[in-house]
Amino acid sequence: MATTHVKGNTPVEVGADEHLTSRLWQRASASGTREVLRYWDAGAWRGLTWAQLGDRVRAVAAGLIGMGIDKGDRVALMSNTRVEWTVTDLAILAVGGVTVPIYETSSAEQCAWILSDSGTKLAVCATPDHAKILDQARAEASDLGEIFVIDDGGLDALAERAGDGDPGKVTERADDLGLGDLASIIYTSGTTGNPKGCSLTHGNLLSTARQTEINLAALFGPEASTLLFLPLAHVFARIIQFVALESDVQMGYARSVEQLAEDLESFSPTFLLSVPRVFEKVFNGAQRKAEGAKAKVFNFAVQAAQDWASTDHPGLAANLKRGLADKLVYSKLRHALGGKIRYCVSGGAPLAPHLAYFFHAAGITILEGYGLTETSAASCVNTPKAMRIGTVGQPSPGTEVMVAEDGELLMRGSGVFTGYWHNDQATGEVITDDGWFRTGDIGAIDDDGFVRITGRKKELIVTAAGKNVAPAVLEERLKSHRLVSQAMVVGDNRPFVAAVITLEPDELTAFAAEHGLSGGPAELRTDAQVLAELGKAVDHANAAVSKAESIRKITVLDRDFTEEHNEMTPTMKLRRRNIIENHSDEIEALYTG
């Protein structure tokens, strides 16, 4: 009989009077000259010690009190990932405020909904352009007061507004906090309708951070460091921020995704958090550069990784091949990532097994995890001591996972949110009477307690013949091909399964040069050689499913799915209904042409 319930280890206890800034104040008064936060400025990495961080947070927090921010008041934070994000977040939390993150790519309409629904009283943003967007949204957000712009000296200006909000009052506010107090309302980037605000308490986030600190202790030694580049508006990066602060790990802030390669080399982190798409780009980029004889070497390294990493006890031949591949390929990959990285934490989407094998053999173990905004992110994770590629690991300490009769995964634990902000109906739909959270994901639990995600319950496709098809496995396999940027499987109430594919521009350019072709996605999407190559991606995807679930046809678009066309969420999830609507003619042609 299949396992349907698993419980994580006994959790570390968190004191009822602790909160997300407790350790900040302890370390600010006790720590020396070591820099805990580092950022790029004037051509070099600069830093803040715990004492400097404490002073900066206290000054901004006093300004918030001076601006009339009371306990429970919501403060919006719209910014890229930067040191000021963390300073502002901690300042809001320190005075008992509630941080409302907003993605820097959000439109005025999206901002208006978040600001109005949350009742935000004050906003901090990164740039004047962000301020313009927030101002446009103001008409729908009657409670919104002043907007402070970081690039225009906004945090200094906010600190100057302290007035009666002297540093002593910040201490009084912090001392009044506890685990049950609301810390953040994070709006999920829903694929349909307006996003819902997930209410997360200090207890939700702090407990999750503490359990993660214990669960992944191998990552958080005295010399550990990480470089943040994912958006802190997302719960995944946010929880790592808190884990790093709790475990005294040095955090760096990448200048941008475009400059990430340079920053990795100069900062040299020991671990990294990322999403599968980044690992795909690193792998595909290395594959693209391996031309001629180098291509054979790279393919040898890929196969050596598969042979070595797919077994717990590799033999002599596998170890020798891995050693040779390390000299020829893997060592160069580690150097490109800064030279010190030994672990990466992956979340947000399924990780293709071939990527996990390749990086693991290269000495960079990717620990795939799983969680949602509603569960404070880190609900399950593979650890250095308990890892099984193809799964999202075992439940974190204090977390329970159960498989319902229809295959949906249910969760219960200290990280599970208190509900959706001002939306009791939606809360009642996902929280059972005995406290289980309905994740909406379909999955299974193996005999050793490792959890495997197989798809989203709402995304299941039912063909005209009544066959249930989970699109996730097909889409992820398609996207593992170098030419594929995005893929969406269709076939609901249709006679067969098909796929809509977009092309990766850089890889397409390289492929065109290799095969004597010219043009971009619009010109090459119907080229016979390109379609033949995409046929290999389809074959790879179909190898994972039954014939009834297999992809029979594809259509290739002349552009990628984008946020601007409302086809992707800020976290790079597909807005399926919008994609179907925007490309209805191409999809219809699959079944009528």
Protein backbone atom coordinates (compact mmCIF):
# COMPACT_ATOMS: atom_id res chain seq x y z
CA MET A 1 0.00 0.00 0.00
CA ALA A 2 1.36 3.44 -0.96
CA THR A 3 2.44 5.83 1.81
CA THR A 4 -0.10 8.62 2.27
CA HIS A 5 1.24 10.47 5.32
CA VAL A 6 4.67 11.60 6.48
CA LYS A 7 5.83 13.82 9.30
CA GLY A 8 9.06 15.80 9.54
CA ASN A 9 11.47 15.55 12.45
CA THR A 10 10.75 17.20 15.79
CA PRO A 11 11.07 20.96 15.27
CA VAL A 12 13.34 23.26 17.22
CA GLU A 13 11.27 25.31 19.64
CA VAL A 14 10.81 29.04 19.13
CA GLY A 15 10.09 31.23 22.15
CA ALA A 16 6.64 32.82 22.27
CA ASP A 17 8.14 36.30 22.75
CA GLU A 18 10.61 35.98 19.86
CA HIS A 19 10.14 37.67 16.52
CA LEU A 20 11.90 38.30 13.21
CA THR A 21 14.15 41.08 14.57
CA SER A 22 15.11 39.44 17.89
CA ARG A 23 18.53 38.27 16.73
CA LEU A 24 19.19 41.52 14.88
CA TRP A 25 19.18 43.45 18.16
CA GLN A 26 21.15 40.76 20.00
CA ARG A 27 23.91 40.69 17.37
CA ALA A 28 23.92 44.45 16.80
CA SER A 29 24.98 44.95 20.42
CA ALA A 30 27.45 42.04 20.55
CA SER A 31 29.09 41.53 17.15
CA GLY A 32 32.35 43.01 15.90
CA THR A 33 33.63 44.13 12.52
CA ARG A 34 32.43 41.25 10.35
CA GLU A 35 30.17 42.41 7.51
CA VAL A 36 26.84 40.55 7.42
CA LEU A 37 25.39 42.34 4.36
CA ARG A 38 27.42 43.23 1.26
CA TYR A 39 26.47 45.26 -1.78
CA TRP A 40 28.19 46.70 -4.84
CA ASP A 41 28.90 50.41 -4.75
CA ALA A 42 31.42 52.64 -6.56
CA GLY A 43 33.17 49.71 -8.21
CA ALA A 44 33.65 47.49 -5.17
CA TRP A 45 31.83 45.36 -2.61
CA ARG A 46 30.90 47.37 0.49
CA GLY A 47 29.34 46.04 3.65
CA LEU A 48 27.37 46.55 6.84
CA THR A 49 28.33 45.01 10.16
CA TRP A 50 25.61 43.85 12.53
CA ALA A 51 26.02 47.08 14.51
CA GLN A 52 25.76 49.22 11.37
CA LEU A 53 22.75 47.26 10.19
CA GLY A 54 21.11 47.69 13.59
CA ASP A 55 21.72 51.45 13.53
CA ARG A 56 20.33 51.77 10.01
CA VAL A 57 17.22 49.70 10.78
CA ARG A 58 16.62 51.61 14.01
CA ALA A 59 16.84 54.98 12.21
CA VAL A 60 14.37 53.99 9.49
CA ALA A 61 12.09 52.36 12.06
CA ALA A 62 12.06 55.57 14.11
CA GLY A 63 11.07 57.42 10.94
CA LEU A 64 8.17 55.03 10.43
CA ILE A 65 6.96 55.71 13.96
CA GLY A 66 7.31 59.43 13.28
CA MET A 67 5.16 58.97 10.17
CA GLY A 68 2.42 57.48 12.34
CA ILE A 69 2.89 53.81 11.47
CA ASP A 70 1.31 51.83 14.29
CA LYS A 71 1.42 48.14 15.06
CA GLY A 72 -0.44 46.23 12.36
CA ASP A 73 -0.27 49.04 9.78
CA ARG A 74 0.68 47.94 6.27
CA VAL A 75 3.70 49.39 4.46
CA ALA A 76 4.31 48.57 0.78
CA LEU A 77 7.81 47.79 -0.46
CA MET A 78 8.33 47.92 -4.24
CA SER A 79 11.93 47.34 -5.18
CA ASN A 80 14.49 45.15 -6.84
CA THR A 81 16.62 42.90 -4.63
CA ARG A 82 19.09 45.21 -2.87
CA VAL A 83 20.44 45.89 0.59
CA GLU A 84 17.84 48.63 1.15
CA TRP A 85 15.10 46.03 0.69
CA THR A 86 16.34 44.13 3.74
CA VAL A 87 16.88 47.30 5.79
CA THR A 88 13.35 48.52 5.04
CA ASP A 89 11.77 45.13 5.65
CA LEU A 90 13.46 44.82 9.07
CA ALA A 91 12.50 48.39 9.99
CA ILE A 92 8.85 47.78 9.17
CA LEU A 93 8.85 44.57 11.19
CA ALA A 94 10.68 46.16 14.11
CA VAL A 95 7.88 48.67 14.73
CA GLY A 96 5.17 46.03 14.42
CA GLY A 97 4.28 47.06 10.88
CA VAL A 98 3.30 44.63 8.15
CA THR A 99 5.46 44.45 5.01
CA VAL A 100 3.49 44.26 1.75
CA PRO A 101 5.97 43.33 -1.00
CA ILE A 102 5.24 44.44 -4.58
CA TYR A 103 7.19 43.14 -7.56
CA GLU A 104 9.19 45.84 -9.30
CA THR A 105 7.63 44.76 -12.61
CA SER A 106 4.06 45.28 -11.41
CA SER A 107 1.70 47.49 -13.42
CA ALA A 108 -0.29 50.39 -12.00
CA GLU A 109 -3.41 48.22 -12.09
CA GLN A 110 -1.73 45.42 -10.14
CA CYS A 111 -0.34 47.90 -7.61
CA ALA A 112 -3.77 49.48 -7.21
CA TRP A 113 -5.32 46.16 -6.24
CA ILE A 114 -2.59 45.29 -3.72
CA LEU A 115 -2.52 48.77 -2.17
CA SER A 116 -6.30 49.01 -1.88
CA ASP A 117 -6.91 45.45 -0.70
CA SER A 118 -4.19 45.64 1.96
CA GLY A 119 -5.05 49.18 3.05
CA THR A 120 -1.41 50.24 2.74
CA LYS A 121 -0.63 53.52 4.58
CA LEU A 122 2.88 54.26 3.31
CA ALA A 123 5.13 53.01 0.51
CA VAL A 124 8.85 52.67 -0.08
CA CYS A 125 10.04 52.06 -3.64
CA ALA A 126 13.37 51.84 -5.44
CA THR A 127 13.13 54.30 -8.32
CA PRO A 128 11.23 57.40 -9.47
CA ASP A 129 9.57 55.24 -12.14
CA HIS A 130 8.20 52.99 -9.41
CA ALA A 131 6.90 56.07 -7.62
CA LYS A 132 5.05 57.15 -10.76
CA ILE A 133 3.36 53.76 -10.98
CA LEU A 134 2.36 53.90 -7.32
CA ASP A 135 1.03 57.42 -7.82
CA GLN A 136 -1.07 56.20 -10.75
CA ALA A 137 -2.47 53.51 -8.45
CA ARG A 138 -3.29 56.02 -5.71
CA ALA A 139 -6.77 56.72 -7.07
CA GLU A 140 -7.80 53.19 -6.06
CA ALA A 141 -5.86 53.24 -2.77
CA SER A 142 -7.43 55.84 -0.52
CA ASP A 143 -5.31 54.95 2.53
CA LEU A 144 -1.95 55.45 0.79
CA GLY A 145 0.10 58.30 2.22
CA GLU A 146 3.64 59.32 1.30
CA ILE A 147 5.95 57.45 -1.05
CA PHE A 148 9.69 57.34 -0.28
CA VAL A 149 12.08 56.65 -3.17
CA ILE A 150 15.30 54.83 -2.28
CA ASP A 151 17.28 56.14 -5.26
CA ASP A 152 16.36 59.69 -4.26
CA GLY A 153 17.61 59.29 -0.70
CA GLY A 154 14.24 58.07 0.52
CA LEU A 155 15.46 56.04 3.48
CA ASP A 156 17.49 58.99 4.80
CA ALA A 157 14.46 61.21 4.32
CA LEU A 158 12.30 58.70 6.16
CA ALA A 159 14.80 58.50 9.03
CA GLU A 160 14.71 62.30 9.31
CA ARG A 161 10.96 62.15 9.91
CA ALA A 162 11.52 60.41 13.25
CA GLY A 163 10.27 63.30 15.39
CA ASP A 164 8.79 61.63 18.44
CA GLY A 165 9.79 58.24 17.03
CA ASP A 166 13.09 58.19 18.90
CA PRO A 167 15.24 55.03 19.04
CA GLY A 168 13.88 54.15 22.48
CA LYS A 169 10.39 53.82 21.05
CA VAL A 170 11.69 51.37 18.46
CA THR A 171 12.91 49.17 21.29
CA GLU A 172 9.52 49.42 23.01
CA ARG A 173 7.75 48.41 19.80
CA ALA A 174 10.10 45.46 19.21
CA ASP A 175 9.71 44.28 22.79
CA ASP A 176 5.95 44.19 22.29
CA LEU A 177 6.16 41.74 19.37
CA GLY A 178 5.49 38.00 19.49
CA LEU A 179 5.02 34.99 17.26
CA GLY A 180 1.33 35.63 16.70
CA ASP A 181 1.76 39.11 15.30
CA LEU A 182 1.23 39.65 11.58
CA ALA A 183 4.52 40.21 9.74
CA SER A 184 3.71 40.28 6.04
CA ILE A 185 0.93 40.09 3.51
CA ILE A 186 2.37 38.52 0.37
CA TYR A 187 0.12 38.62 -2.67
CA THR A 188 0.32 35.44 -4.68
CA SER A 189 0.87 35.99 -8.38
CA GLY A 190 -2.25 34.04 -9.25
CA THR A 191 -2.69 32.67 -12.75
CA THR A 192 -6.34 33.76 -12.75
CA GLY A 193 -8.16 36.71 -11.18
CA ASN A 194 -6.81 39.16 -8.63
CA PRO A 195 -4.04 37.86 -6.38
CA LYS A 196 -4.93 36.93 -2.82
CA GLY A 197 -2.97 38.29 0.14
CA CYS A 198 -1.35 35.55 2.24
CA SER A 199 -1.17 36.61 5.88
CA LEU A 200 2.07 35.37 7.41
CA THR A 201 2.94 35.92 11.07
CA HIS A 202 6.30 36.36 12.75
CA GLY A 203 5.79 32.79 13.97
CA ASN A 204 5.19 31.42 10.47
CA LEU A 205 8.35 32.98 9.02
CA LEU A 206 10.60 32.69 12.07
CA SER A 207 9.74 29.05 12.74
CA THR A 208 10.31 28.19 9.07
CA ALA A 209 13.66 30.00 9.12
CA ARG A 210 14.78 28.23 12.29
CA GLN A 211 13.77 24.78 11.00
CA THR A 212 15.55 25.47 7.70
CA GLU A 213 18.65 26.59 9.60
CA ILE A 214 18.77 23.19 11.32
CA ASN A 215 17.67 21.16 8.31
CA LEU A 216 20.32 22.64 6.00
CA ALA A 217 23.00 23.19 8.62
CA ALA A 218 25.73 22.06 6.21
CA LEU A 219 25.14 25.22 4.16
CA PHE A 220 25.38 27.68 7.04
CA GLY A 221 28.88 27.37 8.52
CA PRO A 222 31.02 30.26 9.84
CA GLU A 223 32.46 31.02 6.39
CA ALA A 224 29.17 30.63 4.51
CA SER A 225 27.85 33.29 2.17
CA THR A 226 25.14 33.63 -0.44
CA LEU A 227 24.42 36.04 -3.28
CA LEU A 228 20.78 37.06 -3.65
CA PHE A 229 19.41 37.82 -7.09
CA LEU A 230 15.87 36.41 -7.04
CA PRO A 231 13.15 38.93 -6.14
CA LEU A 232 12.75 39.45 -2.40
CA ALA A 233 9.09 40.15 -3.13
CA HIS A 234 8.76 36.37 -3.52
CA VAL A 235 8.54 34.21 -0.42
CA PHE A 236 11.38 31.92 -1.60
CA ALA A 237 14.08 34.63 -1.53
CA ARG A 238 12.46 36.25 1.50
CA ILE A 239 12.70 33.13 3.66
CA ILE A 240 16.35 32.69 2.67
CA GLN A 241 16.91 36.29 3.75
CA PHE A 242 15.55 35.41 7.19
CA VAL A 243 17.46 32.13 7.35
CA ALA A 244 20.71 33.95 6.57
CA LEU A 245 20.02 36.59 9.23
CA GLU A 246 19.09 33.95 11.79
CA SER A 247 22.19 31.82 11.06
CA ASP A 248 24.63 34.75 10.77
CA VAL A 249 25.40 34.02 7.12
CA GLN A 250 26.83 36.81 4.98
CA MET A 251 24.40 37.97 2.28
CA GLY A 252 25.42 39.74 -0.90
CA TYR A 253 23.07 41.47 -3.32
CA ALA A 254 23.69 41.00 -7.03
CA ARG A 255 23.50 44.17 -9.12
CA SER A 256 21.20 42.54 -11.67
CA VAL A 257 20.54 39.24 -13.41
CA GLU A 258 22.44 40.60 -16.41
CA GLN A 259 25.55 41.16 -14.25
CA LEU A 260 25.12 38.00 -12.22
CA ALA A 261 28.04 36.18 -13.85
CA GLU A 262 30.42 39.02 -12.95
CA ASP A 263 29.05 39.26 -9.42
CA LEU A 264 29.36 35.52 -8.83
CA GLU A 265 33.01 35.62 -9.82
CA SER A 266 33.88 38.61 -7.61
CA PHE A 267 31.67 37.74 -4.60
CA SER A 268 32.31 33.95 -4.61
CA PRO A 269 29.33 32.69 -2.56
CA THR A 270 29.37 29.25 -0.96
CA PHE A 271 25.73 28.53 -1.71
CA LEU A 272 23.06 29.95 -3.96
CA LEU A 273 19.29 29.88 -4.23
CA SER A 274 17.84 29.81 -7.69
CA VAL A 275 15.08 28.54 -9.94
CA PRO A 276 15.41 25.73 -12.50
CA ARG A 277 15.40 28.19 -15.39
CA VAL A 278 18.77 29.59 -14.29
CA PHE A 279 20.32 26.12 -14.10
CA GLU A 280 18.94 25.38 -17.57
CA LYS A 281 20.57 28.53 -18.95
CA VAL A 282 23.93 27.69 -17.38
CA PHE A 283 23.79 24.14 -18.74
CA ASN A 284 22.59 25.19 -22.20
CA GLY A 285 25.18 27.95 -22.37
CA ALA A 286 27.98 25.51 -21.60
CA GLN A 287 26.58 23.08 -24.16
CA ARG A 288 26.38 25.82 -26.80
CA LYS A 289 30.03 26.80 -26.33
CA ALA A 290 31.15 23.18 -26.75
CA GLU A 291 31.66 23.01 -30.50
CA GLY A 292 33.44 20.40 -32.60
CA ALA A 293 35.64 18.12 -30.51
CA LYS A 294 34.56 20.00 -27.38
CA ALA A 295 30.98 18.86 -28.02
CA LYS A 296 32.07 15.23 -27.63
CA VAL A 297 33.84 16.13 -24.39
CA PHE A 298 30.75 17.88 -23.05
CA ASN A 299 28.48 14.98 -23.98
CA PHE A 300 30.95 12.65 -22.25
CA ALA A 301 30.70 14.81 -19.11
CA VAL A 302 26.88 14.71 -19.25
CA GLN A 303 26.85 10.92 -19.50
CA ALA A 304 29.52 10.58 -16.81
CA ALA A 305 27.35 12.70 -14.51
CA GLN A 306 24.33 10.49 -15.17
CA ASP A 307 26.31 7.32 -14.48
CA TRP A 308 27.94 8.66 -11.32
CA ALA A 309 25.06 10.58 -9.72
CA SER A 310 22.21 8.17 -10.44
CA THR A 311 23.48 5.57 -7.98
CA ASP A 312 24.36 5.69 -4.29
CA HIS A 313 27.41 3.51 -4.87
CA PRO A 314 29.19 4.35 -8.15
CA GLY A 315 31.79 1.82 -9.23
CA LEU A 316 35.42 2.35 -10.16
CA ALA A 317 34.65 3.05 -13.82
CA ALA A 318 32.04 5.69 -12.96
CA ASN A 319 34.41 7.38 -10.52
CA LEU A 320 37.24 7.45 -13.06
CA LYS A 321 34.98 8.95 -15.74
CA ARG A 322 33.73 11.54 -13.28
CA GLY A 323 37.32 12.44 -12.37
CA LEU A 324 38.24 12.95 -16.01
CA ALA A 325 35.07 14.96 -16.67
CA ASP A 326 35.91 17.12 -13.66
CA LYS A 327 39.25 18.12 -15.16
CA LEU A 328 37.78 18.78 -18.58
CA VAL A 329 34.37 20.33 -17.80
CA TYR A 330 33.14 20.46 -14.21
CA SER A 331 36.04 22.50 -12.80
CA LYS A 332 35.37 25.24 -15.38
CA LEU A 333 31.71 25.34 -14.35
CA ARG A 334 32.63 25.79 -10.68
CA HIS A 335 35.05 28.57 -11.60
CA ALA A 336 32.34 30.36 -13.59
CA LEU A 337 30.10 30.30 -10.52
CA GLY A 338 32.74 31.86 -8.28
CA GLY A 339 34.75 28.80 -7.33
CA LYS A 340 33.34 28.24 -3.84
CA ILE A 341 29.76 27.12 -4.42
CA ARG A 342 29.04 23.63 -3.15
CA TYR A 343 25.26 23.76 -2.76
CA CYS A 344 22.31 25.38 -4.49
CA VAL A 345 18.72 25.41 -3.27
CA SER A 346 16.18 25.16 -6.10
CA GLY A 347 12.47 25.93 -5.93
CA GLY A 348 9.59 27.54 -7.75
CA ALA A 349 9.28 24.87 -10.47
CA PRO A 350 10.29 21.25 -11.07
CA LEU A 351 14.01 20.63 -11.63
CA ALA A 352 14.86 18.38 -14.59
CA PRO A 353 16.75 15.30 -13.31
CA HIS A 354 19.54 15.62 -15.90
CA LEU A 355 20.39 19.05 -14.46
CA ALA A 356 20.49 17.65 -10.93
CA TYR A 357 22.80 14.81 -12.03
CA PHE A 358 25.11 17.14 -13.96
CA PHE A 359 25.57 19.73 -11.22
CA HIS A 360 25.85 17.08 -8.50
CA ALA A 361 28.67 15.35 -10.38
CA ALA A 362 30.29 18.75 -10.86
CA GLY A 363 30.52 19.17 -7.09
CA ILE A 364 27.55 21.57 -6.87
CA THR A 365 24.68 19.71 -5.26
CA ILE A 366 21.26 21.14 -6.09
CA LEU A 367 18.88 20.62 -3.19
CA GLU A 368 15.38 20.77 -4.64
CA GLY A 369 12.66 21.92 -2.30
CA TYR A 370 8.98 22.70 -2.30
CA GLY A 371 6.58 25.10 -0.68
CA LEU A 372 4.07 27.81 -1.39
CA THR A 373 3.56 31.35 -0.18
CA GLU A 374 0.82 29.95 2.07
CA THR A 375 3.33 27.59 3.73
CA SER A 376 6.19 30.12 4.14
CA ALA A 377 8.05 28.45 1.25
CA ALA A 378 10.28 25.81 2.83
CA SER A 379 7.88 22.92 3.50
CA CYS A 380 9.93 20.09 2.01
CA VAL A 381 13.55 20.01 0.92
CA ASN A 382 16.29 17.60 0.00
CA THR A 383 19.23 17.89 2.38
CA PRO A 384 22.89 16.90 2.06
CA LYS A 385 22.17 13.91 4.32
CA ALA A 386 18.85 12.91 2.75
CA MET A 387 18.61 13.55 -0.98
CA ARG A 388 16.69 11.81 -3.72
CA ILE A 389 16.86 13.37 -7.18
CA GLY A 390 13.44 13.67 -8.79
CA THR A 391 11.74 14.46 -5.48
CA VAL A 392 11.35 17.66 -3.43
CA GLY A 393 12.74 15.94 -0.36
CA GLN A 394 11.23 15.05 2.98
CA PRO A 395 9.03 17.39 5.07
CA SER A 396 10.88 19.98 7.12
CA PRO A 397 10.86 19.58 10.91
CA GLY A 398 7.41 20.27 12.27
CA THR A 399 5.70 19.84 8.89
CA GLU A 400 3.26 17.07 7.98
CA VAL A 401 2.31 16.06 4.44
CA MET A 402 -0.69 13.89 3.56
CA VAL A 403 -2.01 12.64 0.23
CA ALA A 404 -5.78 13.05 -0.09
CA GLU A 405 -7.97 10.49 -1.85
CA ASP A 406 -7.86 12.48 -5.09
CA GLY A 407 -4.05 12.72 -4.97
CA GLU A 408 -3.87 16.31 -3.71
CA LEU A 409 -1.11 17.07 -1.21
CA LEU A 410 -2.25 18.50 2.12
CA MET A 411 0.09 20.22 4.60
CA ARG A 412 0.03 21.12 8.24
CA GLY A 413 2.65 22.82 10.40
CA SER A 414 3.97 26.01 11.97
CA GLY A 415 4.74 27.56 8.58
CA VAL A 416 1.17 27.35 7.28
CA PHE A 417 -0.41 30.80 7.02
CA THR A 418 -3.31 32.12 9.06
CA GLY A 419 -5.45 32.75 5.99
CA TYR A 420 -6.05 35.13 3.11
CA TRP A 421 -6.25 38.80 4.05
CA HIS A 422 -9.90 39.84 4.39
CA ASN A 423 -11.06 36.80 2.40
CA ASP A 424 -12.65 34.25 4.71
CA GLN A 425 -14.34 32.45 1.84
CA ALA A 426 -11.06 31.74 0.04
CA THR A 427 -9.45 30.74 3.33
CA GLY A 428 -12.25 28.28 4.04
CA GLU A 429 -11.74 26.70 0.64
CA VAL A 430 -8.10 25.79 1.34
CA ILE A 431 -7.98 25.14 5.12
CA THR A 432 -9.80 22.05 6.37
CA ASP A 433 -11.57 21.90 9.72
CA ASP A 434 -8.63 20.01 11.24
CA GLY A 435 -6.01 22.47 10.01
CA TRP A 436 -4.75 20.89 6.79
CA PHE A 437 -3.86 23.24 3.94
CA ARG A 438 -4.93 22.13 0.47
CA THR A 439 -1.88 22.84 -1.71
CA GLY A 440 -3.59 22.33 -5.07
CA ASP A 441 -0.66 20.14 -6.13
CA ILE A 442 -0.91 16.48 -7.03
CA GLY A 443 1.80 14.28 -5.62
CA ALA A 444 2.93 11.13 -3.90
CA ILE A 445 5.07 10.01 -0.96
CA ASP A 446 7.53 7.13 -1.27
CA ASP A 447 8.31 4.58 1.44
CA ASP A 448 11.19 6.72 2.77
CA GLY A 449 9.07 9.83 3.12
CA PHE A 450 10.32 11.68 0.05
CA VAL A 451 7.63 13.76 -1.62
CA ARG A 452 7.19 13.88 -5.39
CA ILE A 453 5.11 16.54 -7.19
CA THR A 454 3.39 15.37 -10.37
CA GLY A 455 1.25 18.37 -11.33
CA ARG A 456 -1.28 21.02 -10.41
CA LYS A 457 -4.81 19.84 -9.67
CA LYS A 458 -6.41 22.74 -11.57
CA GLU A 459 -4.10 22.25 -14.55
CA LEU A 460 -5.08 18.67 -15.31
CA ILE A 461 -6.11 18.29 -18.92
CA VAL A 462 -8.97 15.94 -19.75
CA THR A 463 -8.96 14.92 -23.41
CA ALA A 464 -12.08 14.19 -25.43
CA ALA A 465 -11.45 10.51 -24.76
CA GLY A 466 -11.52 11.15 -20.99
CA LYS A 467 -7.79 10.73 -20.40
CA ASN A 468 -6.36 12.80 -17.53
CA VAL A 469 -3.05 14.41 -18.49
CA ALA A 470 -0.76 16.30 -16.08
CA PRO A 471 1.03 18.88 -18.25
CA ALA A 472 3.93 19.61 -15.89
CA VAL A 473 6.09 16.59 -16.74
CA LEU A 474 5.67 17.15 -20.48
CA GLU A 475 6.36 20.88 -20.24
CA GLU A 476 9.45 20.54 -18.10
CA ARG A 477 10.91 17.95 -20.43
CA LEU A 478 10.24 20.14 -23.43
CA LYS A 479 11.92 23.10 -21.71
CA SER A 480 15.03 21.05 -21.01
CA HIS A 481 15.89 21.29 -24.72
CA ARG A 482 18.25 24.14 -25.59
CA LEU A 483 15.96 25.66 -28.23
CA VAL A 484 12.85 25.80 -26.04
CA SER A 485 12.18 28.87 -23.92
CA GLN A 486 8.62 28.12 -22.80
CA ALA A 487 6.14 25.36 -23.50
CA MET A 488 2.46 24.89 -22.71
CA VAL A 489 0.57 21.68 -23.27
CA VAL A 490 -3.03 21.88 -24.55
CA GLY A 491 -5.71 19.33 -25.25
CA ASP A 492 -8.61 19.90 -22.86
CA ASN A 493 -11.71 18.38 -24.51
CA ARG A 494 -9.63 17.80 -27.63
CA PRO A 495 -8.94 14.52 -29.44
CA PHE A 496 -5.21 14.56 -28.58
CA VAL A 497 -2.51 16.39 -26.66
CA ALA A 498 -0.50 19.14 -28.37
CA ALA A 499 1.99 21.80 -27.30
CA VAL A 500 2.61 25.50 -27.85
CA ILE A 501 6.35 26.25 -27.90
CA THR A 502 8.42 29.43 -27.85
CA LEU A 503 12.07 29.64 -28.87
CA GLU A 504 15.09 30.65 -26.79
CA PRO A 505 16.63 33.55 -28.79
CA ASP A 506 20.30 33.03 -27.83
CA GLU A 507 20.17 29.31 -28.46
CA LEU A 508 18.29 29.84 -31.71
CA THR A 509 20.99 32.24 -32.91
CA ALA A 510 23.69 29.69 -32.13
CA PHE A 511 21.72 26.88 -33.78
CA ALA A 512 21.18 29.01 -36.88
CA ALA A 513 24.91 29.71 -37.15
CA GLU A 514 25.69 26.02 -36.77
CA HIS A 515 23.30 25.08 -39.58
CA GLY A 516 23.73 27.97 -41.98
CA LEU A 517 20.37 29.57 -41.24
CA SER A 518 19.44 33.21 -40.83
CA GLY A 519 16.63 35.03 -39.10
CA GLY A 520 14.94 35.12 -35.70
CA PRO A 521 12.01 33.24 -34.15
CA ALA A 522 9.51 34.71 -36.62
CA GLU A 523 11.49 33.46 -39.63
CA LEU A 524 12.82 30.17 -38.25
CA ARG A 525 9.80 28.81 -36.36
CA THR A 526 8.69 26.90 -39.47
CA ASP A 527 12.17 25.93 -40.70
CA ALA A 528 12.51 22.20 -41.31
CA GLN A 529 15.80 21.89 -39.39
CA VAL A 530 14.43 23.77 -36.40
CA LEU A 531 11.28 21.66 -36.37
CA ALA A 532 13.34 18.48 -36.65
CA GLU A 533 15.37 19.56 -33.63
CA LEU A 534 12.20 20.36 -31.70
CA GLY A 535 10.97 16.91 -32.64
CA LYS A 536 13.76 15.55 -30.44
CA ALA A 537 12.37 17.59 -27.54
CA VAL A 538 8.93 16.13 -28.16
CA ASP A 539 10.33 12.60 -28.25
CA HIS A 540 12.12 13.24 -24.95
CA ALA A 541 8.90 14.51 -23.37
CA ASN A 542 6.80 11.64 -24.69
CA ALA A 543 9.22 9.09 -23.28
CA ALA A 544 7.91 9.98 -19.80
CA VAL A 545 4.21 9.30 -20.48
CA SER A 546 1.82 6.81 -22.02
CA LYS A 547 0.82 6.99 -25.68
CA ALA A 548 -2.57 8.46 -24.77
CA GLU A 549 -0.81 11.30 -22.91
CA SER A 550 1.82 11.95 -25.57
CA ILE A 551 2.19 15.12 -27.63
CA ARG A 552 1.03 14.57 -31.21
CA LYS A 553 1.53 18.07 -32.67
CA ILE A 554 3.29 21.33 -31.83
CA THR A 555 2.97 24.93 -32.90
CA VAL A 556 5.94 27.30 -32.59
CA LEU A 557 5.22 30.96 -31.84
CA ASP A 558 7.10 33.95 -33.22
CA ARG A 559 7.61 35.44 -29.74
CA ASP A 560 8.01 34.35 -26.16
CA PHE A 561 5.34 34.40 -23.46
CA THR A 562 5.69 37.65 -21.50
CA GLU A 563 4.40 39.50 -18.45
CA GLU A 564 3.56 42.43 -20.72
CA HIS A 565 1.06 40.27 -22.62
CA ASN A 566 -0.25 38.96 -19.27
CA GLU A 567 0.92 35.45 -20.16
CA MET A 568 3.40 34.98 -17.31
CA THR A 569 3.28 35.82 -13.62
CA PRO A 570 6.20 37.67 -11.98
CA THR A 571 7.37 34.26 -10.75
CA MET A 572 7.41 32.90 -14.31
CA LYS A 573 4.32 30.74 -14.03
CA LEU A 574 2.10 30.32 -17.09
CA ARG A 575 -1.21 32.16 -17.21
CA ARG A 576 -2.79 29.38 -19.22
CA ARG A 577 -6.15 30.97 -19.94
CA ASN A 578 -4.53 34.13 -21.27
CA ILE A 579 -2.09 32.18 -23.43
CA ILE A 580 -4.96 30.17 -24.92
CA GLU A 581 -6.88 33.37 -25.60
CA ASN A 582 -3.91 35.25 -27.08
CA HIS A 583 -2.91 32.38 -29.36
CA SER A 584 -6.30 30.85 -30.07
CA ASP A 585 -5.80 30.80 -33.84
CA GLU A 586 -2.52 28.87 -33.61
CA ILE A 587 -4.02 26.40 -31.14
CA GLU A 588 -7.16 25.90 -33.21
CA ALA A 589 -5.01 25.21 -36.28
CA LEU A 590 -3.43 22.26 -34.44
CA TYR A 591 -6.77 20.48 -34.51
CA THR A 592 -8.22 21.72 -37.78
CA GLY A 593 -5.17 21.99 -40.03
